[in-house]
Amino acid sequence: MSVKEFSYNGPGHATAQLRHLTIRQLRSLAALSAKGSVTAASGHLGLTQPAVTQQLRQLQDLAGLPLVQRTGDGMLLTEAGKEVLTLAERVEAAIMDCQGALDLLAGRTGGSVHLGAVSTAKYFVPHAIAAFSKRYPKIEIKLTIGNREEIREAMHGYDLDFAVMGRPPADVTVDVRQLGRNPHIIVARKGHWLENDSGLNLTDLVHETFLTREPGSGTRTLMEGMFQKSDLEPIVGMEMSSNETIKQAVIAGLGIAFISAHTVAHELAEGRLVVLDVAGLPIVRQWYVIRRSDKVLLPPAQAMFDFLGSEGSNYLPDVPEFGTR
C-alpha cells in the first residue's frame, strides 16, 4: 500500500465533516495505530486489506487532514491522527458505558467497576473492595495493579473508572478525593547495627545499601528526591518490581529500604523489621482516589468512588504513630 492511498483534499476542503464518521472508520484507525500496518490491522479486525484502506481513506477525507504517515517503523499517526484516535477511545468508552447502563436497566447485572491502583495500595485496596462488595454484592469489580507510571498511563485512556494512587498525574485533568495519610519510612532487619541509634541523618546512611523499586515507581521517585535535597546519592544494591520481594530481601539482610509504612505494617508488628530513626522522616504523602474529569461514571462506579472517598481511610493498615523528627 502506498502513501498515495491516503491522499486527502487538503485545507481547501469545505469543512471537516467528522459528524459523518463511522465506528468502523475509528476502529480501523485504532487498529492501524496498535498494529503498525494495514495488513496487521485487517487481520485484527477480521476485514480485508482493501476494506480497511477504504475506511482509513474515508476517515481522512472527513477530517480534512493527513492522519497517517509511513515511516521506517511502519505506519504511524500524525498529530491529527492522534487527536482522532483520542476521539475513538472516548467513543469506545461511551459504548461500554451505554452497554453497562442498558444491562443495569434490564436487570442483567448489577453493573461493573474498573479500578486501578498503584502496587503499594494493594495492601489495603482489596479490603476496601471486600467491604464495598458486601454492601453491593451484584456489582462486578475489576482491579488493575501497576506502578505509578503504568497507572498514570492508564489514566490517559478511558478504560479505568478511577484509580487509587499517591500524587495525581499532572498531565490529565482529574477529580480527586483524599483517602488518607501515606507515611514513608526507612526500614532495616531486626538486629541491624543502626536499630537502636536515634537522631540519624541521611549522611549516616550513605554507606548503606538500599533496596529499591524500579524507576517509574512513586516510592523510588520520592526516595531519590529526598536524597537530592541533601546533595547525597544512595547506594542502590538491587532494583525490584515488588514490595514483597523488597521486604524479604531486607529481612534477609541484603540492605535497607525506603518504603511506605503501609507495605510493612505486618512485618513491623511481628518484629521482623524495624524503623530507623532518621531526621525528617517519615515523609507523609496522601492517598487519593482519582478519576478523569471528563469520564462519566455510571451509578456503580460513582457509588464506589464515593465509598472510597468517604470510608476508604478505614481500611488503611495500622502503623505506628510516627512523628516528624
C-alpha atoms as a PDB file:
ATOM      1  CA  MET A   1       0.000   0.000   0.000  1.00  0.00           C
ATOM      2  CA  SER A   2       1.439   3.374  -0.970  1.00  0.00           C
ATOM      3  CA  VAL A   3       1.157   6.651   0.856  1.00  0.00           C
ATOM      4  CA  LYS A   4      -0.895   7.995  -2.057  1.00  0.00           C
ATOM      5  CA  GLU A   5      -3.731   5.765  -0.983  1.00  0.00           C
ATOM      6  CA  PHE A   6      -4.170   8.156   1.930  1.00  0.00           C
ATOM      7  CA  SER A   7      -4.388  11.324  -0.146  1.00  0.00           C
ATOM      8  CA  TYR A   8      -6.733  13.983   1.194  1.00  0.00           C
ATOM      9  CA  ASN A   9      -8.496  17.057  -0.089  1.00  0.00           C
ATOM     10  CA  GLY A  10      -6.369  19.485   1.927  1.00  0.00           C
ATOM     11  CA  PRO A  11      -7.207  22.766   3.648  1.00  0.00           C
ATOM     12  CA  GLY A  12      -9.381  23.857   0.736  1.00  0.00           C
ATOM     13  CA  HIS A  13     -11.840  21.110   1.590  1.00  0.00           C
ATOM     14  CA  ALA A  14     -15.032  22.947   2.673  1.00  0.00           C
ATOM     15  CA  THR A  15     -15.168  21.857   6.316  1.00  0.00           C
ATOM     16  CA  ALA A  16     -14.290  18.739   8.241  1.00  0.00           C
ATOM     17  CA  GLN A  17     -17.399  16.573   8.369  1.00  0.00           C
ATOM     18  CA  LEU A  18     -16.485  14.409  11.325  1.00  0.00           C
ATOM     19  CA  ARG A  19     -20.126  14.163  12.344  1.00  0.00           C
ATOM     20  CA  HIS A  20     -20.498  11.722   9.435  1.00  0.00           C
ATOM     21  CA  LEU A  21     -17.750   9.360  10.581  1.00  0.00           C
ATOM     22  CA  THR A  22     -18.497   5.742  11.498  1.00  0.00           C
ATOM     23  CA  ILE A  23     -17.409   3.389  14.258  1.00  0.00           C
ATOM     24  CA  ARG A  24     -15.772   1.147  11.655  1.00  0.00           C
ATOM     25  CA  GLN A  25     -13.607   4.028  10.453  1.00  0.00           C
ATOM     26  CA  LEU A  26     -12.483   4.850  14.000  1.00  0.00           C
ATOM     27  CA  ARG A  27     -11.759   1.210  14.737  1.00  0.00           C
ATOM     28  CA  SER A  28      -9.693   0.940  11.565  1.00  0.00           C
ATOM     29  CA  LEU A  29      -7.548   3.875  12.691  1.00  0.00           C
ATOM     30  CA  ALA A  30      -7.182   2.436  16.201  1.00  0.00           C
ATOM     31  CA  ALA A  31      -6.159  -0.949  14.809  1.00  0.00           C
ATOM     32  CA  LEU A  32      -3.621   0.646  12.460  1.00  0.00           C
ATOM     33  CA  SER A  33      -2.137   2.590  15.377  1.00  0.00           C
ATOM     34  CA  ALA A  34      -1.908  -0.533  17.526  1.00  0.00           C
ATOM     35  CA  LYS A  35      -0.624  -2.918  14.849  1.00  0.00           C
ATOM     36  CA  GLY A  36       1.524  -0.649  12.689  1.00  0.00           C
ATOM     37  CA  SER A  37       0.342  -1.827   9.270  1.00  0.00           C
ATOM     38  CA  VAL A  38      -2.841  -2.194   7.257  1.00  0.00           C
ATOM     39  CA  THR A  39      -2.155  -5.923   6.885  1.00  0.00           C
ATOM     40  CA  ALA A  40      -1.974  -6.475  10.632  1.00  0.00           C
ATOM     41  CA  ALA A  41      -4.903  -4.139  11.270  1.00  0.00           C
ATOM     42  CA  SER A  42      -7.107  -6.006   8.796  1.00  0.00           C
ATOM     43  CA  GLY A  43      -6.263  -9.308  10.467  1.00  0.00           C
ATOM     44  CA  HIS A  44      -7.097  -7.844  13.873  1.00  0.00           C
ATOM     45  CA  LEU A  45     -10.443  -6.508  12.660  1.00  0.00           C
ATOM     46  CA  GLY A  46     -11.359  -9.517  10.551  1.00  0.00           C
ATOM     47  CA  LEU A  47     -11.668  -7.349   7.433  1.00  0.00           C
ATOM     48  CA  THR A  48      -9.894  -7.364   4.085  1.00  0.00           C
ATOM     49  CA  GLN A  49      -6.988  -5.013   3.463  1.00  0.00           C
ATOM     50  CA  PRO A  50      -8.905  -3.039   0.802  1.00  0.00           C
ATOM     51  CA  ALA A  51     -11.791  -2.603   3.252  1.00  0.00           C
ATOM     52  CA  VAL A  52      -9.512  -1.184   5.943  1.00  0.00           C
ATOM     53  CA  THR A  53      -7.752   1.060   3.403  1.00  0.00           C
ATOM     54  CA  GLN A  54     -11.123   2.402   2.279  1.00  0.00           C
ATOM     55  CA  GLN A  55     -12.221   3.104   5.863  1.00  0.00           C
ATOM     56  CA  LEU A  56      -8.994   4.995   6.554  1.00  0.00           C
ATOM     57  CA  ARG A  57      -9.241   6.990   3.330  1.00  0.00           C
ATOM     58  CA  GLN A  58     -12.844   7.960   4.069  1.00  0.00           C
ATOM     59  CA  LEU A  59     -11.972   8.990   7.632  1.00  0.00           C
ATOM     60  CA  GLN A  60      -9.069  11.090   6.407  1.00  0.00           C
ATOM     61  CA  ASP A  61     -11.272  12.812   3.848  1.00  0.00           C
ATOM     62  CA  LEU A  62     -13.770  13.647   6.595  1.00  0.00           C
ATOM     63  CA  ALA A  63     -11.009  15.031   8.823  1.00  0.00           C
ATOM     64  CA  GLY A  64      -9.524  17.139   6.032  1.00  0.00           C
ATOM     65  CA  LEU A  65      -6.016  16.469   7.330  1.00  0.00           C
ATOM     66  CA  PRO A  66      -3.490  13.646   6.886  1.00  0.00           C
ATOM     67  CA  LEU A  67      -3.976  11.137   9.694  1.00  0.00           C
ATOM     68  CA  VAL A  68      -1.295   8.587   8.800  1.00  0.00           C
ATOM     69  CA  GLN A  69       2.310   8.721   7.615  1.00  0.00           C
ATOM     70  CA  ARG A  70       4.675   5.985   6.521  1.00  0.00           C
ATOM     71  CA  THR A  71       7.990   5.754   8.416  1.00  0.00           C
ATOM     72  CA  GLY A  72      10.797   3.269   8.795  1.00  0.00           C
ATOM     73  CA  ASP A  73       8.929   1.932  11.820  1.00  0.00           C
ATOM     74  CA  GLY A  74       5.723   1.344   9.911  1.00  0.00           C
ATOM     75  CA  MET A  75       2.543   3.378   9.518  1.00  0.00           C
ATOM     76  CA  LEU A  76       2.339   5.977  12.300  1.00  0.00           C
ATOM     77  CA  LEU A  77      -0.314   8.521  13.184  1.00  0.00           C
ATOM     78  CA  THR A  78       0.208  12.219  12.592  1.00  0.00           C
ATOM     79  CA  GLU A  79      -0.728  14.733  15.294  1.00  0.00           C
ATOM     80  CA  ALA A  80      -4.154  14.973  13.663  1.00  0.00           C
ATOM     81  CA  GLY A  81      -4.381  11.189  13.642  1.00  0.00           C
ATOM     82  CA  LYS A  82      -3.581  11.046  17.364  1.00  0.00           C
ATOM     83  CA  GLU A  83      -6.352  13.556  18.018  1.00  0.00           C
ATOM     84  CA  VAL A  84      -8.840  11.381  16.151  1.00  0.00           C
ATOM     85  CA  LEU A  85      -7.527   8.316  17.993  1.00  0.00           C
ATOM     86  CA  THR A  86      -8.375  10.035  21.284  1.00  0.00           C
ATOM     87  CA  LEU A  87     -11.892  10.506  19.944  1.00  0.00           C
ATOM     88  CA  ALA A  88     -12.013   6.802  19.076  1.00  0.00           C
ATOM     89  CA  GLU A  89     -11.054   5.877  22.647  1.00  0.00           C
ATOM     90  CA  ARG A  90     -13.752   8.125  24.066  1.00  0.00           C
ATOM     91  CA  VAL A  91     -16.358   6.666  21.733  1.00  0.00           C
ATOM     92  CA  GLU A  92     -15.420   3.096  22.703  1.00  0.00           C
ATOM     93  CA  ALA A  93     -15.626   4.055  26.384  1.00  0.00           C
ATOM     94  CA  ALA A  94     -19.040   5.641  25.811  1.00  0.00           C
ATOM     95  CA  ILE A  95     -20.258   2.471  24.075  1.00  0.00           C
ATOM     96  CA  MET A  96     -19.116   0.357  27.032  1.00  0.00           C
ATOM     97  CA  ASP A  97     -20.801   2.766  29.450  1.00  0.00           C
ATOM     98  CA  CYS A  98     -24.021   2.600  27.446  1.00  0.00           C
ATOM     99  CA  GLN A  99     -23.905  -1.202  27.405  1.00  0.00           C
ATOM    100  CA  GLY A 100     -23.400  -1.207  31.158  1.00  0.00           C
ATOM    101  CA  ALA A 101     -26.312   1.164  31.661  1.00  0.00           C
ATOM    102  CA  LEU A 102     -28.575  -0.969  29.465  1.00  0.00           C
ATOM    103  CA  ASP A 103     -27.589  -4.108  31.376  1.00  0.00           C
ATOM    104  CA  LEU A 104     -28.445  -2.332  34.612  1.00  0.00           C
ATOM    105  CA  LEU A 105     -31.847  -1.231  33.314  1.00  0.00           C
ATOM    106  CA  ALA A 106     -32.588  -4.711  32.004  1.00  0.00           C
ATOM    107  CA  GLY A 107     -31.668  -6.282  35.321  1.00  0.00           C
ATOM    108  CA  ARG A 108     -28.999  -8.474  33.701  1.00  0.00           C
ATOM    109  CA  THR A 109     -26.272  -7.208  36.019  1.00  0.00           C
ATOM    110  CA  GLY A 110     -25.585  -5.012  38.989  1.00  0.00           C
ATOM    111  CA  GLY A 111     -23.024  -3.190  36.876  1.00  0.00           C
ATOM    112  CA  SER A 112     -19.252  -3.219  36.843  1.00  0.00           C
ATOM    113  CA  VAL A 113     -16.379  -1.050  38.051  1.00  0.00           C
ATOM    114  CA  HIS A 114     -12.801  -0.983  36.723  1.00  0.00           C
ATOM    115  CA  LEU A 115     -10.469   0.232  39.443  1.00  0.00           C
ATOM    116  CA  GLY A 116      -6.732   0.854  39.078  1.00  0.00           C
ATOM    117  CA  ALA A 117      -4.272   1.024  41.958  1.00  0.00           C
ATOM    118  CA  VAL A 118      -0.548   1.546  42.323  1.00  0.00           C
ATOM    119  CA  SER A 119       1.168  -1.535  43.692  1.00  0.00           C
ATOM    120  CA  THR A 120       1.759  -0.030  47.136  1.00  0.00           C
ATOM    121  CA  ALA A 121      -2.011   0.354  47.531  1.00  0.00           C
ATOM    122  CA  LYS A 122      -2.632  -3.382  47.138  1.00  0.00           C
ATOM    123  CA  TYR A 123      -2.151  -3.760  50.900  1.00  0.00           C
ATOM    124  CA  PHE A 124      -5.460  -2.053  51.621  1.00  0.00           C
ATOM    125  CA  VAL A 125      -7.482  -1.696  48.414  1.00  0.00           C
ATOM    126  CA  PRO A 126      -8.673  -5.365  48.446  1.00  0.00           C
ATOM    127  CA  HIS A 127     -10.036  -4.845  51.973  1.00  0.00           C
ATOM    128  CA  ALA A 128     -11.956  -1.786  50.827  1.00  0.00           C
ATOM    129  CA  ILE A 129     -13.270  -3.736  47.817  1.00  0.00           C
ATOM    130  CA  ALA A 130     -14.436  -6.550  50.116  1.00  0.00           C
ATOM    131  CA  ALA A 131     -16.356  -4.088  52.299  1.00  0.00           C
ATOM    132  CA  PHE A 132     -17.921  -2.423  49.250  1.00  0.00           C
ATOM    133  CA  SER A 133     -18.876  -5.797  47.757  1.00  0.00           C
ATOM    134  CA  LYS A 134     -20.727  -6.766  50.927  1.00  0.00           C
ATOM    135  CA  ARG A 135     -22.812  -3.638  50.534  1.00  0.00           C
ATOM    136  CA  TYR A 136     -23.283  -4.062  46.759  1.00  0.00           C
ATOM    137  CA  PRO A 137     -22.912  -7.804  46.054  1.00  0.00           C
ATOM    138  CA  LYS A 138     -24.130  -7.626  42.438  1.00  0.00           C
ATOM    139  CA  ILE A 139     -21.512  -5.150  41.273  1.00  0.00           C
ATOM    140  CA  GLU A 140     -18.577  -6.751  39.466  1.00  0.00           C
ATOM    141  CA  ILE A 141     -15.205  -5.181  40.212  1.00  0.00           C
ATOM    142  CA  LYS A 142     -12.064  -5.454  38.110  1.00  0.00           C
ATOM    143  CA  LEU A 143      -8.800  -4.416  39.770  1.00  0.00           C
ATOM    144  CA  THR A 144      -5.684  -3.463  37.786  1.00  0.00           C
ATOM    145  CA  ILE A 145      -2.399  -3.127  39.717  1.00  0.00           C
ATOM    146  CA  GLY A 146       0.685  -1.340  38.344  1.00  0.00           C
ATOM    147  CA  ASN A 147       3.445   1.042  39.319  1.00  0.00           C
ATOM    148  CA  ARG A 148       2.795   4.779  39.291  1.00  0.00           C
ATOM    149  CA  GLU A 149       3.898   5.237  35.680  1.00  0.00           C
ATOM    150  CA  GLU A 150       1.676   2.382  34.472  1.00  0.00           C
ATOM    151  CA  ILE A 151      -1.390   3.691  36.305  1.00  0.00           C
ATOM    152  CA  ARG A 152      -0.660   7.248  35.154  1.00  0.00           C
ATOM    153  CA  GLU A 153      -0.529   5.991  31.565  1.00  0.00           C
ATOM    154  CA  ALA A 154      -3.780   4.074  32.051  1.00  0.00           C
ATOM    155  CA  MET A 155      -5.427   7.302  33.202  1.00  0.00           C
ATOM    156  CA  HIS A 156      -4.744   8.758  29.747  1.00  0.00           C
ATOM    157  CA  GLY A 157      -7.401   6.416  28.379  1.00  0.00           C
ATOM    158  CA  TYR A 158     -10.950   5.757  29.450  1.00  0.00           C
ATOM    159  CA  ASP A 159     -10.824   2.093  30.463  1.00  0.00           C
ATOM    160  CA  LEU A 160     -10.299   2.823  34.162  1.00  0.00           C
ATOM    161  CA  ASP A 161     -13.227   4.331  36.027  1.00  0.00           C
ATOM    162  CA  PHE A 162     -10.820   5.689  38.631  1.00  0.00           C
ATOM    163  CA  ALA A 163      -7.550   4.887  40.383  1.00  0.00           C
ATOM    164  CA  VAL A 164      -6.018   4.862  43.851  1.00  0.00           C
ATOM    165  CA  MET A 165      -2.569   6.437  43.865  1.00  0.00           C
ATOM    166  CA  GLY A 166      -0.394   8.955  45.641  1.00  0.00           C
ATOM    167  CA  ARG A 167       0.363  12.055  43.588  1.00  0.00           C
ATOM    168  CA  PRO A 168      -2.287  12.864  40.935  1.00  0.00           C
ATOM    169  CA  PRO A 169      -0.908  12.889  37.365  1.00  0.00           C
ATOM    170  CA  ALA A 170      -0.047  16.400  36.183  1.00  0.00           C
ATOM    171  CA  ASP A 171      -0.901  15.785  32.522  1.00  0.00           C
ATOM    172  CA  VAL A 172      -4.522  14.677  32.966  1.00  0.00           C
ATOM    173  CA  THR A 173      -7.401  16.801  34.263  1.00  0.00           C
ATOM    174  CA  VAL A 174      -8.821  14.839  37.193  1.00  0.00           C
ATOM    175  CA  ASP A 175     -11.298  14.957  40.058  1.00  0.00           C
ATOM    176  CA  VAL A 176      -9.719  13.955  43.356  1.00  0.00           C
ATOM    177  CA  ARG A 177     -10.937  12.575  46.686  1.00  0.00           C
ATOM    178  CA  GLN A 178      -8.460  12.394  49.553  1.00  0.00           C
ATOM    179  CA  LEU A 179      -8.307   8.932  51.079  1.00  0.00           C
ATOM    180  CA  GLY A 180      -5.739   9.118  53.893  1.00  0.00           C
ATOM    181  CA  ARG A 181      -2.126   9.572  55.024  1.00  0.00           C
ATOM    182  CA  ASN A 182       0.702   7.551  53.467  1.00  0.00           C
ATOM    183  CA  PRO A 183       3.859   7.761  55.628  1.00  0.00           C
ATOM    184  CA  HIS A 184       7.194   6.693  54.136  1.00  0.00           C
ATOM    185  CA  ILE A 185       9.977   5.363  56.365  1.00  0.00           C
ATOM    186  CA  ILE A 186      13.326   3.591  56.204  1.00  0.00           C
ATOM    187  CA  VAL A 187      13.309   0.012  57.481  1.00  0.00           C
ATOM    188  CA  ALA A 188      16.035  -2.497  58.294  1.00  0.00           C
ATOM    189  CA  ARG A 189      16.129  -6.088  59.509  1.00  0.00           C
ATOM    190  CA  LYS A 190      15.769  -6.795  63.206  1.00  0.00           C
ATOM    191  CA  GLY A 191      19.229  -6.572  64.779  1.00  0.00           C
ATOM    192  CA  HIS A 192      20.612  -4.087  62.247  1.00  0.00           C
ATOM    193  CA  TRP A 193      23.557  -2.188  63.706  1.00  0.00           C
ATOM    194  CA  LEU A 194      21.685   1.140  63.467  1.00  0.00           C
ATOM    195  CA  GLU A 195      18.487  -0.202  65.024  1.00  0.00           C
ATOM    196  CA  ASN A 196      18.923   1.494  68.406  1.00  0.00           C
ATOM    197  CA  ASP A 197      20.524   4.714  67.165  1.00  0.00           C
ATOM    198  CA  SER A 198      18.404   7.845  67.413  1.00  0.00           C
ATOM    199  CA  GLY A 199      18.670  11.106  65.520  1.00  0.00           C
ATOM    200  CA  LEU A 200      20.265   9.601  62.432  1.00  0.00           C
ATOM    201  CA  ASN A 201      20.800  11.781  59.362  1.00  0.00           C
ATOM    202  CA  LEU A 202      20.872  10.760  55.716  1.00  0.00           C
ATOM    203  CA  THR A 203      24.647  11.187  55.813  1.00  0.00           C
ATOM    204  CA  ASP A 204      24.740   8.292  58.296  1.00  0.00           C
ATOM    205  CA  LEU A 205      23.157   6.095  55.624  1.00  0.00           C
ATOM    206  CA  VAL A 206      25.312   6.878  52.578  1.00  0.00           C
ATOM    207  CA  HIS A 207      27.329   3.687  53.091  1.00  0.00           C
ATOM    208  CA  GLU A 208      24.215   1.526  53.492  1.00  0.00           C
ATOM    209  CA  THR A 209      22.859  -0.476  50.569  1.00  0.00           C
ATOM    210  CA  PHE A 210      19.311   0.479  49.570  1.00  0.00           C
ATOM    211  CA  LEU A 211      16.907  -1.995  48.023  1.00  0.00           C
ATOM    212  CA  THR A 212      14.505  -0.071  45.812  1.00  0.00           C
ATOM    213  CA  ARG A 213      11.592  -0.272  43.446  1.00  0.00           C
ATOM    214  CA  GLU A 214      12.125   0.124  39.711  1.00  0.00           C
ATOM    215  CA  PRO A 215      12.346   3.545  38.008  1.00  0.00           C
ATOM    216  CA  GLY A 216       8.814   4.849  37.461  1.00  0.00           C
ATOM    217  CA  SER A 217       7.699   3.814  40.925  1.00  0.00           C
ATOM    218  CA  GLY A 218       6.376   6.638  43.078  1.00  0.00           C
ATOM    219  CA  THR A 219       8.352   5.368  46.087  1.00  0.00           C
ATOM    220  CA  ARG A 220      11.585   5.315  44.075  1.00  0.00           C
ATOM    221  CA  THR A 221      10.978   8.867  42.846  1.00  0.00           C
ATOM    222  CA  LEU A 222      10.251  10.080  46.367  1.00  0.00           C
ATOM    223  CA  MET A 223      13.421   8.466  47.744  1.00  0.00           C
ATOM    224  CA  GLU A 224      15.607   9.971  45.037  1.00  0.00           C
ATOM    225  CA  GLY A 225      14.116  13.404  45.667  1.00  0.00           C
ATOM    226  CA  MET A 226      14.797  13.062  49.397  1.00  0.00           C
ATOM    227  CA  PHE A 227      18.489  12.364  48.829  1.00  0.00           C
ATOM    228  CA  GLN A 228      18.845  15.022  46.128  1.00  0.00           C
ATOM    229  CA  LYS A 229      17.613  17.697  48.539  1.00  0.00           C
ATOM    230  CA  SER A 230      20.589  16.820  50.767  1.00  0.00           C
ATOM    231  CA  ASP A 231      23.003  16.634  47.794  1.00  0.00           C
ATOM    232  CA  LEU A 232      23.536  12.954  48.524  1.00  0.00           C
ATOM    233  CA  GLU A 233      23.237   9.816  46.428  1.00  0.00           C
ATOM    234  CA  PRO A 234      22.171   6.490  47.912  1.00  0.00           C
ATOM    235  CA  ILE A 235      23.907   3.211  47.112  1.00  0.00           C
ATOM    236  CA  VAL A 236      21.341   1.150  45.225  1.00  0.00           C
ATOM    237  CA  GLY A 237      22.044  -2.536  45.610  1.00  0.00           C
ATOM    238  CA  MET A 238      19.097  -4.117  43.837  1.00  0.00           C
ATOM    239  CA  GLU A 239      16.048  -2.892  41.930  1.00  0.00           C
ATOM    240  CA  MET A 240      12.875  -4.909  42.459  1.00  0.00           C
ATOM    241  CA  SER A 241       9.411  -4.586  40.970  1.00  0.00           C
ATOM    242  CA  SER A 242       7.678  -5.979  44.059  1.00  0.00           C
ATOM    243  CA  ASN A 243       7.371  -4.596  47.581  1.00  0.00           C
ATOM    244  CA  GLU A 244       7.089  -8.179  48.814  1.00  0.00           C
ATOM    245  CA  THR A 245      10.497  -9.009  47.367  1.00  0.00           C
ATOM    246  CA  ILE A 246      11.996  -5.882  48.899  1.00  0.00           C
ATOM    247  CA  LYS A 247      10.634  -6.805  52.324  1.00  0.00           C
ATOM    248  CA  GLN A 248      12.015 -10.323  52.160  1.00  0.00           C
ATOM    249  CA  ALA A 249      15.395  -9.043  50.931  1.00  0.00           C
ATOM    250  CA  VAL A 250      15.613  -6.571  53.835  1.00  0.00           C
ATOM    251  CA  ILE A 251      14.682  -9.307  56.317  1.00  0.00           C
ATOM    252  CA  ALA A 252      17.421 -11.465  54.767  1.00  0.00           C
ATOM    253  CA  GLY A 253      19.970  -8.707  55.437  1.00  0.00           C
ATOM    254  CA  LEU A 254      20.654  -7.642  51.845  1.00  0.00           C
ATOM    255  CA  GLY A 255      20.139  -3.975  52.652  1.00  0.00           C
ATOM    256  CA  ILE A 256      17.707  -1.372  53.933  1.00  0.00           C
ATOM    257  CA  ALA A 257      14.711   0.195  52.183  1.00  0.00           C
ATOM    258  CA  PHE A 258      12.793   3.434  51.915  1.00  0.00           C
ATOM    259  CA  ILE A 259       9.201   2.267  51.721  1.00  0.00           C
ATOM    260  CA  SER A 260       5.582   3.104  52.523  1.00  0.00           C
ATOM    261  CA  ALA A 261       4.783   2.149  56.107  1.00  0.00           C
ATOM    262  CA  HIS A 262       1.562   0.588  54.851  1.00  0.00           C
ATOM    263  CA  THR A 263       3.512  -2.098  52.988  1.00  0.00           C
ATOM    264  CA  VAL A 264       5.434  -3.242  56.080  1.00  0.00           C
ATOM    265  CA  ALA A 265       2.767  -2.946  58.796  1.00  0.00           C
ATOM    266  CA  HIS A 266       2.677  -6.699  59.489  1.00  0.00           C
ATOM    267  CA  GLU A 267       6.452  -7.108  59.498  1.00  0.00           C
ATOM    268  CA  LEU A 268       6.842  -4.196  61.928  1.00  0.00           C
ATOM    269  CA  ALA A 269       4.166  -5.618  64.221  1.00  0.00           C
ATOM    270  CA  GLU A 270       5.840  -9.039  64.152  1.00  0.00           C
ATOM    271  CA  GLY A 271       9.274  -7.552  64.868  1.00  0.00           C
ATOM    272  CA  ARG A 272      10.897  -8.840  61.669  1.00  0.00           C
ATOM    273  CA  LEU A 273      11.584  -5.296  60.504  1.00  0.00           C
ATOM    274  CA  VAL A 274      12.476  -2.151  62.452  1.00  0.00           C
ATOM    275  CA  VAL A 275      12.136   1.543  61.647  1.00  0.00           C
ATOM    276  CA  LEU A 276      15.379   3.516  61.572  1.00  0.00           C
ATOM    277  CA  ASP A 277      15.131   6.822  63.441  1.00  0.00           C
ATOM    278  CA  VAL A 278      16.137   9.242  60.678  1.00  0.00           C
ATOM    279  CA  ALA A 279      15.682  13.004  60.907  1.00  0.00           C
ATOM    280  CA  GLY A 280      12.997  14.327  58.580  1.00  0.00           C
ATOM    281  CA  LEU A 281      11.170  11.027  58.409  1.00  0.00           C
ATOM    282  CA  PRO A 282       8.546   9.938  57.938  1.00  0.00           C
ATOM    283  CA  ILE A 283       7.761  11.744  54.715  1.00  0.00           C
ATOM    284  CA  VAL A 284       3.985  11.814  54.723  1.00  0.00           C
ATOM    285  CA  ARG A 285       2.151  11.789  51.422  1.00  0.00           C
ATOM    286  CA  GLN A 286      -1.547  11.316  50.815  1.00  0.00           C
ATOM    287  CA  TRP A 287      -3.556   8.570  49.197  1.00  0.00           C
ATOM    288  CA  TYR A 288      -6.094   9.781  46.649  1.00  0.00           C
ATOM    289  CA  VAL A 289      -8.954   8.351  44.626  1.00  0.00           C
ATOM    290  CA  ILE A 290      -8.691   9.914  41.174  1.00  0.00           C
ATOM    291  CA  ARG A 291     -10.844   9.925  38.058  1.00  0.00           C
ATOM    292  CA  ARG A 292     -10.645  11.772  34.763  1.00  0.00           C
ATOM    293  CA  SER A 293     -12.829  14.868  34.908  1.00  0.00           C
ATOM    294  CA  ASP A 294     -14.363  14.006  31.539  1.00  0.00           C
ATOM    295  CA  LYS A 295     -15.018  10.367  32.468  1.00  0.00           C
ATOM    296  CA  VAL A 296     -18.736   9.827  33.047  1.00  0.00           C
ATOM    297  CA  LEU A 297     -19.214   7.363  35.899  1.00  0.00           C
ATOM    298  CA  LEU A 298     -22.196   5.049  35.826  1.00  0.00           C
ATOM    299  CA  PRO A 299     -24.030   4.612  39.147  1.00  0.00           C
ATOM    300  CA  PRO A 300     -21.971   1.550  40.287  1.00  0.00           C
ATOM    301  CA  ALA A 301     -18.649   3.324  39.666  1.00  0.00           C
ATOM    302  CA  GLN A 302     -19.926   6.543  41.219  1.00  0.00           C
ATOM    303  CA  ALA A 303     -21.050   4.588  44.301  1.00  0.00           C
ATOM    304  CA  MET A 304     -17.607   3.042  44.731  1.00  0.00           C
ATOM    305  CA  PHE A 305     -15.832   6.356  44.059  1.00  0.00           C
ATOM    306  CA  ASP A 306     -17.918   7.975  46.800  1.00  0.00           C
ATOM    307  CA  PHE A 307     -17.399   4.990  49.118  1.00  0.00           C
ATOM    308  CA  LEU A 308     -13.616   5.153  48.832  1.00  0.00           C
ATOM    309  CA  GLY A 309     -13.621   8.918  49.257  1.00  0.00           C
ATOM    310  CA  SER A 310     -15.687   8.806  52.440  1.00  0.00           C
ATOM    311  CA  GLU A 311     -14.763   5.435  54.000  1.00  0.00           C
ATOM    312  CA  GLY A 312     -11.566   4.287  52.301  1.00  0.00           C
ATOM    313  CA  SER A 313      -9.347   5.523  55.126  1.00  0.00           C
ATOM    314  CA  ASN A 314     -10.933   2.910  57.415  1.00  0.00           C
ATOM    315  CA  TYR A 315      -9.075   0.181  55.506  1.00  0.00           C
ATOM    316  CA  LEU A 316      -5.566   1.635  55.636  1.00  0.00           C
ATOM    317  CA  PRO A 317      -3.184  -0.674  57.549  1.00  0.00           C
ATOM    318  CA  ASP A 318      -2.460   0.145  61.179  1.00  0.00           C
ATOM    319  CA  VAL A 319       1.045   1.521  61.531  1.00  0.00           C
ATOM    320  CA  PRO A 320       2.920   3.009  64.498  1.00  0.00           C
ATOM    321  CA  GLU A 321       2.308   6.678  65.174  1.00  0.00           C
ATOM    322  CA  PHE A 322       5.270   8.424  63.580  1.00  0.00           C
ATOM    323  CA  GLY A 323       6.048  11.978  64.461  1.00  0.00           C
ATOM    324  CA  THR A 324       8.130  14.138  62.131  1.00  0.00           C
ATOM    325  CA  ARG A 325      11.521  14.322  63.773  1.00  0.00           C
END
